[in-house]
């Protein structure tokens, strides 16, 4: 059943993963005159210049003549941040270049494991092909058990949910209410141990992992009775949990993924979702001919043939170096944790008397931090070793499958087969290089990025911004109504209220940090700016104002003097950006 849990994982993540628009990748535009034409011109210029640096700035000086007002305001407003904080884009690019020691470690310790992964991938594919060539002639007439058919129909319905309106309705309206679904969405957004803390909120983390492991093992035993070859839990993880040890974040990620996949299968095969599958099967049960056609038309053997000739992935190397060059050192992490608590306190102090629920939310907010650079390196190597063991277990288990289980297994794989299935999957565990600060106002989790920790003067403001989302969500509407109305008037739209509110709150917290806690902060919108922008964001799908608007708004709401060039830019755009909403 390993194929079932892996496919279930892929399906739920691909269909329901929360996707937040990254406005650092939003359309960059020029203001005034013909907006559409200037947007195209500026974008073309940026592509040609490749966001070149001139002197201490990160905005190409060639844009000065074309967009004098935007250029002057940006440089007057953000020059200090440009000098002090490196461009995110350039930082990420530079991080891909290793030191001699890093290159030696990669070649000595990681390349052999990657090579083994490739060899095992090839061996597993060849073993599967050999078995299919030997056994597939019996597939068309094979009698599957009632339970095997139920598993296959469940996977078929999940994959083709658009064909089944009743299931589609259930998937989008009923399933999201399930605790395991909510926990999974939190985990997808925040990572670390959040799946366990959400699934088992009343017990300590060690007990939570033990309870989840027990549930997984019980369901796997039932699944194994239906289709042989059920996935085994990594014995190291099981041993550590059994001994009362805290598993690593990478082990937590592996167990969380298995946990939710097993719970989803349990839900539809044995639990509250079984009735919807039963109902749909009563309307139409796939015949032997239809089942074999799914297998025959899937191209599964072509996919396996490609896997049998897989090449060792080379794209992992740059990502690996980024993960250890971008991510913080342990001492940086510990220092930021102290700053985060100071920022939390400053945020609570910045609330009004009617915001008691918001204060409660802030006091209970859970900060989630990235791994340190060294932990990242070890975690990925460990993940590769775990994957290699899984491949070997699958190879060993193939020869033990009876014909029914073999056919059922490849039917499930056929249902989910796609051209992407043949692509190497050797480096998904490497942390990405994106700035990923975000918050979940329902659960109170706040994810802190490597960038915030590496640059704490910026990070304090970014964290305050994320806390601002929670303040807005948990405040009495009347206590923030005037601020929301002010923000909407300034933009002549309600599209940006949520993000603008968080920036206004962040500015208030940053002032408190500076005046009462002796903590220096920086204009994070300037620090994150990698290109010249207009005051207005012409990307109609974005929920963020342009970085220039945000940088100017932080200046205004921090009660600091606005540069004359920015005043002139605001006037030419008929914008009331320079008016405070506090």
Foldseek 3Di string as FASTA:
>chain_A
DALLLVVLLVLCCVVPADDDDDCLPAQFWADDDPGVVRSVVQVVVCVVCVQPDDDLASADCVCCVVRVLLVVQLCVLQVVLSNVFPALVVLLVVLLDDDPVLVVCCVPQVVVLLVLLLQLLLLLLVLLLVVCVVFVVCQLVDDADPLLLLSLLVLLCSLVVVVPVVVVCCVPPPVCVDQQNVQVNCCSQAAFQSSQCSNPVPDDSLVSLVVLVVVLVVLQVVVCVRFNDGDDQDVVLVVCSVVSHDDGSLSSVVSSSSSSSSVVCCCCSPHVNVVVSVVVVVVPRQDSVRLVCLLVVLCVSVLSVLSSVDDRDPVQSSLLSSLLSLFAAPVLVVVVVVVLVVLLVLLLVLDDPQQPQLNVLSVPAAEHEDDHSVSLNVSLSVVSVVSSVSSVSSSVCPVVGDSNSSSSSSSSVSSPHDPCSNHDDRGPSRDGSDQRWAADLVVNYTYGGSVCSVPVLLVSLSSQLRSQLNSCVRGDCVRCVLLQVVVCVQQVHSLQSSSLSSLLSSLSSQLCCVPPVVDHHDQNLSNNNSYRHYQARPRPPDNHGHSSLSSLLSCLSNVHDRDPSVVVSCVSNVGPSNDHSD
